[in-house]
Amino acid sequence: MNLKVDSMHSPDLPENGYPDDPFDFEAFVQAWLSEKGKPGAEVFGFVVVSPSRLAKYESGRFIVNTLVLEEFDWTDIKTRLEKLLAHTASAEDWDEVIDRLKGYLSYQH
């Protein structure tokens, strides 16, 4: 499937869409993904977190569906998502896409 990122949003961020400190942050992000040239989108979620925030985590914590970035930047997040979506190019359907992305992105039914 030839997927693209339609849009992204974080309910954890202020109205301007950016954390107060772009170098020390943690935010849940929702991404609307669609197949190029076809209507409709599926929603996936993941956490974007800085290394400085990760350093504050309790030892022994499992982390899935997490992207670690030095600085919060929507363009960088989209670029990294697009690279991840390249691994779904040979998927036959959404079920296969969801299976390939698990661990990286959570499917928001």
Protein backbone atom coordinates (compact mmCIF):
# COMPACT_ATOMS: atom_id res chain seq x y z
CA MET A 1 0.00 0.00 0.00
CA ASN A 2 1.22 3.46 -0.84
CA LEU A 3 0.52 5.38 2.38
CA LYS A 4 0.88 9.05 3.27
CA VAL A 5 0.57 11.18 6.38
CA ASP A 6 -2.57 13.31 6.03
CA SER A 7 -2.31 15.19 9.30
CA MET A 8 -1.05 15.02 12.87
CA HIS A 9 -2.26 16.42 16.17
CA SER A 10 -1.36 16.23 19.83
CA PRO A 11 -4.03 16.70 22.51
CA ASP A 12 -1.18 17.05 25.04
CA LEU A 13 0.26 20.25 23.56
CA PRO A 14 -0.83 23.86 24.00
CA GLU A 15 -2.98 25.53 21.36
CA ASN A 16 0.09 26.56 19.34
CA GLY A 17 0.96 22.86 18.85
CA TYR A 18 4.41 23.01 20.49
CA PRO A 19 5.66 22.04 23.95
CA ASP A 20 6.77 24.81 26.31
CA ASP A 21 10.32 23.43 26.17
CA PRO A 22 11.16 21.89 22.76
CA PHE A 23 14.16 20.08 24.30
CA ASP A 24 12.37 18.57 27.33
CA PHE A 25 8.97 17.18 26.37
CA GLU A 26 6.62 14.21 26.14
CA ALA A 27 3.47 14.29 24.04
CA PHE A 28 0.98 11.81 22.63
CA VAL A 29 0.54 12.32 18.87
CA GLN A 30 -2.24 11.10 16.62
CA ALA A 31 -1.50 10.64 12.92
CA TRP A 32 -4.09 10.27 10.18
CA LEU A 33 -2.72 7.95 7.50
CA SER A 34 -4.32 7.26 4.14
CA GLU A 35 -3.64 5.36 0.97
CA LYS A 36 -2.58 7.75 -1.79
CA GLY A 37 -5.40 8.37 -4.25
CA LYS A 38 -8.09 6.78 -2.06
CA PRO A 39 -10.61 8.39 0.31
CA GLY A 40 -10.58 7.82 4.05
CA ALA A 41 -7.89 7.60 6.67
CA GLU A 42 -6.90 5.45 9.61
CA VAL A 43 -5.70 6.96 12.89
CA PHE A 44 -2.55 5.79 14.66
CA GLY A 45 -0.98 7.04 17.87
CA PHE A 46 2.45 7.23 19.44
CA VAL A 47 4.42 9.20 22.01
CA VAL A 48 7.14 11.67 21.09
CA VAL A 49 9.62 12.20 23.91
CA SER A 50 12.98 13.90 24.44
CA PRO A 51 16.01 12.06 25.87
CA SER A 52 16.00 14.47 28.83
CA ARG A 53 12.42 13.45 29.66
CA LEU A 54 13.28 9.77 29.19
CA ALA A 55 16.08 10.18 31.73
CA LYS A 56 13.40 10.98 34.33
CA TYR A 57 11.61 7.64 33.80
CA GLU A 58 11.76 4.99 36.48
CA SER A 59 14.18 2.19 35.68
CA GLY A 60 12.56 -0.98 34.33
CA ARG A 61 9.77 0.74 32.39
CA PHE A 62 8.74 -0.76 29.04
CA ILE A 63 8.37 1.72 26.19
CA VAL A 64 6.45 0.92 23.02
CA ASN A 65 4.99 3.20 20.36
CA THR A 66 7.56 5.86 21.23
CA LEU A 67 9.66 8.16 19.05
CA VAL A 68 12.67 9.78 20.75
CA LEU A 69 13.79 13.16 19.41
CA GLU A 70 16.30 15.69 20.72
CA GLU A 71 14.02 18.57 19.70
CA PHE A 72 10.27 18.69 19.08
CA ASP A 73 9.70 19.42 15.40
CA TRP A 74 6.57 18.53 13.41
CA THR A 75 8.51 18.34 10.13
CA ASP A 76 10.98 15.86 11.62
CA ILE A 77 8.14 13.79 13.09
CA LYS A 78 6.41 13.63 9.68
CA THR A 79 9.67 12.69 7.92
CA ARG A 80 10.30 9.86 10.36
CA LEU A 81 6.71 8.62 9.96
CA GLU A 82 7.08 8.63 6.18
CA LYS A 83 10.28 6.54 6.48
CA LEU A 84 8.42 4.10 8.71
CA LEU A 85 5.53 3.90 6.21
CA ALA A 86 7.98 2.86 3.48
CA HIS A 87 8.10 -0.51 5.26
CA THR A 88 4.40 -1.01 4.52
CA ALA A 89 4.67 -0.55 0.74
CA SER A 90 4.19 -4.26 0.02
CA ALA A 91 1.28 -4.65 2.45
CA GLU A 92 -1.90 -5.94 0.83
CA ASP A 93 -4.41 -4.28 3.17
CA TRP A 94 -4.85 -2.23 6.36
CA ASP A 95 -4.70 -5.33 8.58
CA GLU A 96 -1.22 -6.06 7.27
CA VAL A 97 -0.20 -2.40 7.69
CA ILE A 98 -1.44 -2.42 11.29
CA ASP A 99 0.49 -5.63 11.97
CA ARG A 100 3.72 -4.22 10.51
CA LEU A 101 3.43 -0.96 12.46
CA LYS A 102 2.63 -2.45 15.86
CA GLY A 103 5.32 -1.64 18.36
CA TYR A 104 5.98 1.63 16.53
CA LEU A 105 2.44 3.03 16.27
CA SER A 106 -0.75 2.00 18.01
CA TYR A 107 -3.85 1.64 15.88
CA GLN A 108 -6.68 3.88 17.15
CA HIS A 109 -9.81 1.82 16.31
